Amino acid sequence: MAKTPRITADNLGGWVLRCNPDVYDLPGEVKNGATKVWSWLVAKSYRTELIDTGQRVVLWVGGPAGAAWTSGAWGVGYVTGRADVRVAGFDELSEYWVDEERPTRLEWTVPLNVDILPTPVPVQEIRAIPELACMELFRAQQMSNPIYVSPEEMAALETRLGP
């Protein structure tokens, strides 16, 4: 099984940012008309320091088989700035927070410009692409955001999801 290398700017193709609908109801927000995502939460780590303007991002919604939503790729776009500690009260009034304590915690956020896909691309379809079968996303399912994507994996994702 492939192992994730120590990530550097030279071996980075982009990031996957995962959504847990038990924490934030992105599927509900999209159902109600959202077409863009402007920021997302990330865990503070050496990876957070590597996030920079212009890097590619895939927004991923997880979930169990049989969930009411499609687990898979929901959006594609770019990072628009460096990750930083979010402002207190950031998005705390959003009706889409399922975990009501989460929006009041001190956490890191990354600014984005992500377009929601017209139709989510199911996890099974992404996993079936040979270049993506061993992505960190699939190997380290408890990994916090951001999740590493190699240049080769990002090229394969862009072929399916668009630039």
C-alpha atoms as a PDB file:
ATOM      1  CA  MET A   1       0.000   0.000   0.000  1.00  0.00           C
ATOM      2  CA  ALA A   2       1.281   3.467  -0.863  1.00  0.00           C
ATOM      3  CA  LYS A   3       2.505   5.625   1.993  1.00  0.00           C
ATOM      4  CA  THR A   4       2.047   9.391   2.096  1.00  0.00           C
ATOM      5  CA  PRO A   5       5.425  11.128   1.799  1.00  0.00           C
ATOM      6  CA  ARG A   6       6.389  14.091   3.951  1.00  0.00           C
ATOM      7  CA  ILE A   7       4.481  16.760   2.051  1.00  0.00           C
ATOM      8  CA  THR A   8       6.316  19.683   0.486  1.00  0.00           C
ATOM      9  CA  ALA A   9       5.341  22.304  -2.066  1.00  0.00           C
ATOM     10  CA  ASP A  10       7.233  20.214  -4.639  1.00  0.00           C
ATOM     11  CA  ASN A  11       5.182  17.026  -4.204  1.00  0.00           C
ATOM     12  CA  LEU A  12       1.771  18.585  -3.548  1.00  0.00           C
ATOM     13  CA  GLY A  13      -0.985  18.382  -6.144  1.00  0.00           C
ATOM     14  CA  GLY A  14      -3.714  19.798  -3.941  1.00  0.00           C
ATOM     15  CA  TRP A  15      -5.968  19.010  -1.027  1.00  0.00           C
ATOM     16  CA  VAL A  16      -9.149  17.152  -0.214  1.00  0.00           C
ATOM     17  CA  LEU A  17     -11.264  18.840   2.429  1.00  0.00           C
ATOM     18  CA  ARG A  18     -13.702  16.430   3.978  1.00  0.00           C
ATOM     19  CA  CYS A  19     -17.180  17.263   5.297  1.00  0.00           C
ATOM     20  CA  ASN A  20     -18.877  15.177   7.959  1.00  0.00           C
ATOM     21  CA  PRO A  21     -22.629  15.790   7.581  1.00  0.00           C
ATOM     22  CA  ASP A  22     -23.075  14.853  11.253  1.00  0.00           C
ATOM     23  CA  VAL A  23     -21.141  18.048  12.047  1.00  0.00           C
ATOM     24  CA  TYR A  24     -22.086  20.358   9.151  1.00  0.00           C
ATOM     25  CA  ASP A  25     -25.021  19.672   6.817  1.00  0.00           C
ATOM     26  CA  LEU A  26     -23.439  20.610   3.507  1.00  0.00           C
ATOM     27  CA  PRO A  27     -25.849  18.320   1.607  1.00  0.00           C
ATOM     28  CA  GLY A  28     -28.759  20.280   3.113  1.00  0.00           C
ATOM     29  CA  GLU A  29     -27.142  23.602   2.296  1.00  0.00           C
ATOM     30  CA  VAL A  30     -26.608  22.540  -1.332  1.00  0.00           C
ATOM     31  CA  LYS A  31     -30.171  21.204  -1.542  1.00  0.00           C
ATOM     32  CA  ASN A  32     -31.317  24.680  -0.506  1.00  0.00           C
ATOM     33  CA  GLY A  33     -29.402  26.377  -3.303  1.00  0.00           C
ATOM     34  CA  ALA A  34     -25.766  26.877  -2.218  1.00  0.00           C
ATOM     35  CA  THR A  35     -23.424  26.844  -5.220  1.00  0.00           C
ATOM     36  CA  LYS A  36     -20.164  28.003  -3.584  1.00  0.00           C
ATOM     37  CA  VAL A  37     -18.045  27.283  -0.531  1.00  0.00           C
ATOM     38  CA  TRP A  38     -15.873  30.164   0.666  1.00  0.00           C
ATOM     39  CA  SER A  39     -14.052  28.624   3.647  1.00  0.00           C
ATOM     40  CA  TRP A  40     -13.525  25.346   5.483  1.00  0.00           C
ATOM     41  CA  LEU A  41     -12.132  24.103   8.782  1.00  0.00           C
ATOM     42  CA  VAL A  42      -8.684  22.487   8.897  1.00  0.00           C
ATOM     43  CA  ALA A  43      -6.628  20.961  11.704  1.00  0.00           C
ATOM     44  CA  LYS A  44      -3.499  22.818  12.790  1.00  0.00           C
ATOM     45  CA  SER A  45      -0.454  20.809  11.641  1.00  0.00           C
ATOM     46  CA  TYR A  46       2.586  21.196   9.427  1.00  0.00           C
ATOM     47  CA  ARG A  47       0.183  20.652   6.518  1.00  0.00           C
ATOM     48  CA  THR A  48      -1.761  23.762   7.498  1.00  0.00           C
ATOM     49  CA  GLU A  49       1.433  25.780   7.028  1.00  0.00           C
ATOM     50  CA  LEU A  50       1.690  24.472   3.430  1.00  0.00           C
ATOM     51  CA  ILE A  51      -1.788  25.630   2.390  1.00  0.00           C
ATOM     52  CA  ASP A  52      -1.399  28.549   0.013  1.00  0.00           C
ATOM     53  CA  THR A  53      -3.235  30.648  -2.547  1.00  0.00           C
ATOM     54  CA  GLY A  54      -3.898  28.933  -5.864  1.00  0.00           C
ATOM     55  CA  GLN A  55      -3.687  25.341  -4.657  1.00  0.00           C
ATOM     56  CA  ARG A  56      -6.401  23.009  -5.924  1.00  0.00           C
ATOM     57  CA  VAL A  57      -9.107  21.739  -3.568  1.00  0.00           C
ATOM     58  CA  VAL A  58     -11.688  18.969  -3.801  1.00  0.00           C
ATOM     59  CA  LEU A  59     -14.569  19.180  -1.324  1.00  0.00           C
ATOM     60  CA  TRP A  60     -15.548  15.695  -0.186  1.00  0.00           C
ATOM     61  CA  VAL A  61     -18.687  14.645   1.685  1.00  0.00           C
ATOM     62  CA  GLY A  62     -18.313  11.407   3.616  1.00  0.00           C
ATOM     63  CA  GLY A  63     -20.860   9.049   5.037  1.00  0.00           C
ATOM     64  CA  PRO A  64     -21.920   5.454   5.388  1.00  0.00           C
ATOM     65  CA  ALA A  65     -23.331   3.316   2.600  1.00  0.00           C
ATOM     66  CA  GLY A  66     -27.032   3.982   2.368  1.00  0.00           C
ATOM     67  CA  ALA A  67     -26.796   7.576   3.632  1.00  0.00           C
ATOM     68  CA  ALA A  68     -29.441  10.038   2.439  1.00  0.00           C
ATOM     69  CA  TRP A  69     -26.706  11.903   0.511  1.00  0.00           C
ATOM     70  CA  THR A  70     -24.081  10.808  -2.010  1.00  0.00           C
ATOM     71  CA  SER A  71     -20.680  10.216  -0.435  1.00  0.00           C
ATOM     72  CA  GLY A  72     -17.983  11.512  -2.748  1.00  0.00           C
ATOM     73  CA  ALA A  73     -16.723  14.653  -4.470  1.00  0.00           C
ATOM     74  CA  TRP A  74     -19.099  17.604  -4.105  1.00  0.00           C
ATOM     75  CA  GLY A  75     -16.997  20.552  -5.217  1.00  0.00           C
ATOM     76  CA  VAL A  76     -13.770  21.703  -6.840  1.00  0.00           C
ATOM     77  CA  GLY A  77     -11.886  24.953  -6.637  1.00  0.00           C
ATOM     78  CA  TYR A  78      -8.923  26.789  -5.206  1.00  0.00           C
ATOM     79  CA  VAL A  79      -7.429  28.027  -1.980  1.00  0.00           C
ATOM     80  CA  THR A  80      -7.603  31.846  -1.891  1.00  0.00           C
ATOM     81  CA  GLY A  81      -5.341  32.568   1.096  1.00  0.00           C
ATOM     82  CA  ARG A  82      -3.364  31.175   4.006  1.00  0.00           C
ATOM     83  CA  ALA A  83      -5.029  29.182   6.777  1.00  0.00           C
ATOM     84  CA  ASP A  84      -5.570  31.170   9.951  1.00  0.00           C
ATOM     85  CA  VAL A  85      -7.403  31.004  13.251  1.00  0.00           C
ATOM     86  CA  ARG A  86     -10.986  31.883  12.505  1.00  0.00           C
ATOM     87  CA  VAL A  87     -12.687  34.847  14.075  1.00  0.00           C
ATOM     88  CA  ALA A  88     -14.782  34.047  17.144  1.00  0.00           C
ATOM     89  CA  GLY A  89     -18.373  33.471  16.138  1.00  0.00           C
ATOM     90  CA  PHE A  90     -17.427  32.635  12.536  1.00  0.00           C
ATOM     91  CA  ASP A  91     -20.491  31.202  10.831  1.00  0.00           C
ATOM     92  CA  GLU A  92     -22.020  30.338  14.210  1.00  0.00           C
ATOM     93  CA  LEU A  93     -25.471  31.380  13.078  1.00  0.00           C
ATOM     94  CA  SER A  94     -25.509  29.032  10.087  1.00  0.00           C
ATOM     95  CA  GLU A  95     -28.523  26.795  10.297  1.00  0.00           C
ATOM     96  CA  TYR A  96     -26.434  23.986   8.792  1.00  0.00           C
ATOM     97  CA  TRP A  97     -24.290  23.313  11.875  1.00  0.00           C
ATOM     98  CA  VAL A  98     -25.474  19.987  13.286  1.00  0.00           C
ATOM     99  CA  ASP A  99     -22.868  19.957  16.071  1.00  0.00           C
ATOM    100  CA  GLU A 100     -24.013  23.133  17.824  1.00  0.00           C
ATOM    101  CA  GLU A 101     -20.783  23.531  19.850  1.00  0.00           C
ATOM    102  CA  ARG A 102     -18.472  23.288  16.826  1.00  0.00           C
ATOM    103  CA  PRO A 103     -18.911  26.808  15.404  1.00  0.00           C
ATOM    104  CA  THR A 104     -17.910  28.396  18.721  1.00  0.00           C
ATOM    105  CA  ARG A 105     -14.598  26.518  19.100  1.00  0.00           C
ATOM    106  CA  LEU A 106     -11.287  28.138  18.299  1.00  0.00           C
ATOM    107  CA  GLU A 107     -10.241  26.412  15.070  1.00  0.00           C
ATOM    108  CA  TRP A 108      -8.313  27.035  11.883  1.00  0.00           C
ATOM    109  CA  THR A 109     -10.038  27.889   8.634  1.00  0.00           C
ATOM    110  CA  VAL A 110      -8.824  28.190   5.069  1.00  0.00           C
ATOM    111  CA  PRO A 111     -10.361  30.658   2.578  1.00  0.00           C
ATOM    112  CA  LEU A 112     -11.592  29.044  -0.637  1.00  0.00           C
ATOM    113  CA  ASN A 113     -13.348  29.547  -3.915  1.00  0.00           C
ATOM    114  CA  VAL A 114     -15.040  26.182  -4.474  1.00  0.00           C
ATOM    115  CA  ASP A 115     -17.813  25.551  -6.974  1.00  0.00           C
ATOM    116  CA  ILE A 116     -20.345  22.911  -5.979  1.00  0.00           C
ATOM    117  CA  LEU A 117     -20.601  20.281  -8.713  1.00  0.00           C
ATOM    118  CA  PRO A 118     -23.974  20.003 -10.506  1.00  0.00           C
ATOM    119  CA  THR A 119     -24.106  16.386  -9.305  1.00  0.00           C
ATOM    120  CA  PRO A 120     -21.814  14.835  -6.681  1.00  0.00           C
ATOM    121  CA  VAL A 121     -19.425  12.182  -8.024  1.00  0.00           C
ATOM    122  CA  PRO A 122     -19.868   9.022  -5.929  1.00  0.00           C
ATOM    123  CA  VAL A 123     -16.981   7.551  -3.964  1.00  0.00           C
ATOM    124  CA  GLN A 124     -17.279   4.276  -5.909  1.00  0.00           C
ATOM    125  CA  GLU A 125     -16.666   6.097  -9.175  1.00  0.00           C
ATOM    126  CA  ILE A 126     -13.615   7.936  -7.803  1.00  0.00           C
ATOM    127  CA  ARG A 127     -12.179   4.751  -6.275  1.00  0.00           C
ATOM    128  CA  ALA A 128     -12.553   2.963  -9.621  1.00  0.00           C
ATOM    129  CA  ILE A 129     -10.032   5.331 -11.250  1.00  0.00           C
ATOM    130  CA  PRO A 130      -6.733   3.383 -11.036  1.00  0.00           C
ATOM    131  CA  GLU A 131      -4.610   6.443 -10.148  1.00  0.00           C
ATOM    132  CA  LEU A 132      -6.905   7.215  -7.200  1.00  0.00           C
ATOM    133  CA  ALA A 133      -7.403   3.790  -5.619  1.00  0.00           C
ATOM    134  CA  CYS A 134      -4.634   4.360  -3.037  1.00  0.00           C
ATOM    135  CA  MET A 135      -5.269   8.029  -2.239  1.00  0.00           C
ATOM    136  CA  GLU A 136      -4.618   9.108   1.333  1.00  0.00           C
ATOM    137  CA  LEU A 137      -8.352   9.880   1.517  1.00  0.00           C
ATOM    138  CA  PHE A 138      -9.077   6.140   1.259  1.00  0.00           C
ATOM    139  CA  ARG A 139      -6.089   4.878   3.255  1.00  0.00           C
ATOM    140  CA  ALA A 140      -6.398   7.183   6.289  1.00  0.00           C
ATOM    141  CA  GLN A 141     -10.111   7.532   6.826  1.00  0.00           C
ATOM    142  CA  GLN A 142      -9.746   9.178  10.242  1.00  0.00           C
ATOM    143  CA  MET A 143      -7.308  11.819   8.902  1.00  0.00           C
ATOM    144  CA  SER A 144      -8.177  15.418   9.721  1.00  0.00           C
ATOM    145  CA  ASN A 145      -8.357  18.150   7.088  1.00  0.00           C
ATOM    146  CA  PRO A 146      -6.393  18.880   4.962  1.00  0.00           C
ATOM    147  CA  ILE A 147      -5.879  15.566   3.167  1.00  0.00           C
ATOM    148  CA  TYR A 148      -2.929  15.265   0.789  1.00  0.00           C
ATOM    149  CA  VAL A 149      -3.385  14.786  -2.969  1.00  0.00           C
ATOM    150  CA  SER A 150      -0.348  14.073  -5.165  1.00  0.00           C
ATOM    151  CA  PRO A 151       0.110  15.842  -8.518  1.00  0.00           C
ATOM    152  CA  GLU A 152      -0.770  12.603 -10.354  1.00  0.00           C
ATOM    153  CA  GLU A 153      -3.902  12.112  -8.268  1.00  0.00           C
ATOM    154  CA  MET A 154      -5.004  15.704  -8.819  1.00  0.00           C
ATOM    155  CA  ALA A 155      -4.548  15.295 -12.576  1.00  0.00           C
ATOM    156  CA  ALA A 156      -6.778  12.182 -12.466  1.00  0.00           C
ATOM    157  CA  LEU A 157      -9.372  13.999 -10.335  1.00  0.00           C
ATOM    158  CA  GLU A 158      -9.398  16.977 -12.694  1.00  0.00           C
ATOM    159  CA  THR A 159      -9.968  14.630 -15.643  1.00  0.00           C
ATOM    160  CA  ARG A 160     -13.166  13.418 -13.957  1.00  0.00           C
ATOM    161  CA  LEU A 161     -14.293  16.528 -12.026  1.00  0.00           C
ATOM    162  CA  GLY A 162     -13.045  19.339 -14.243  1.00  0.00           C
ATOM    163  CA  PRO A 163     -10.395  21.992 -13.637  1.00  0.00           C
END
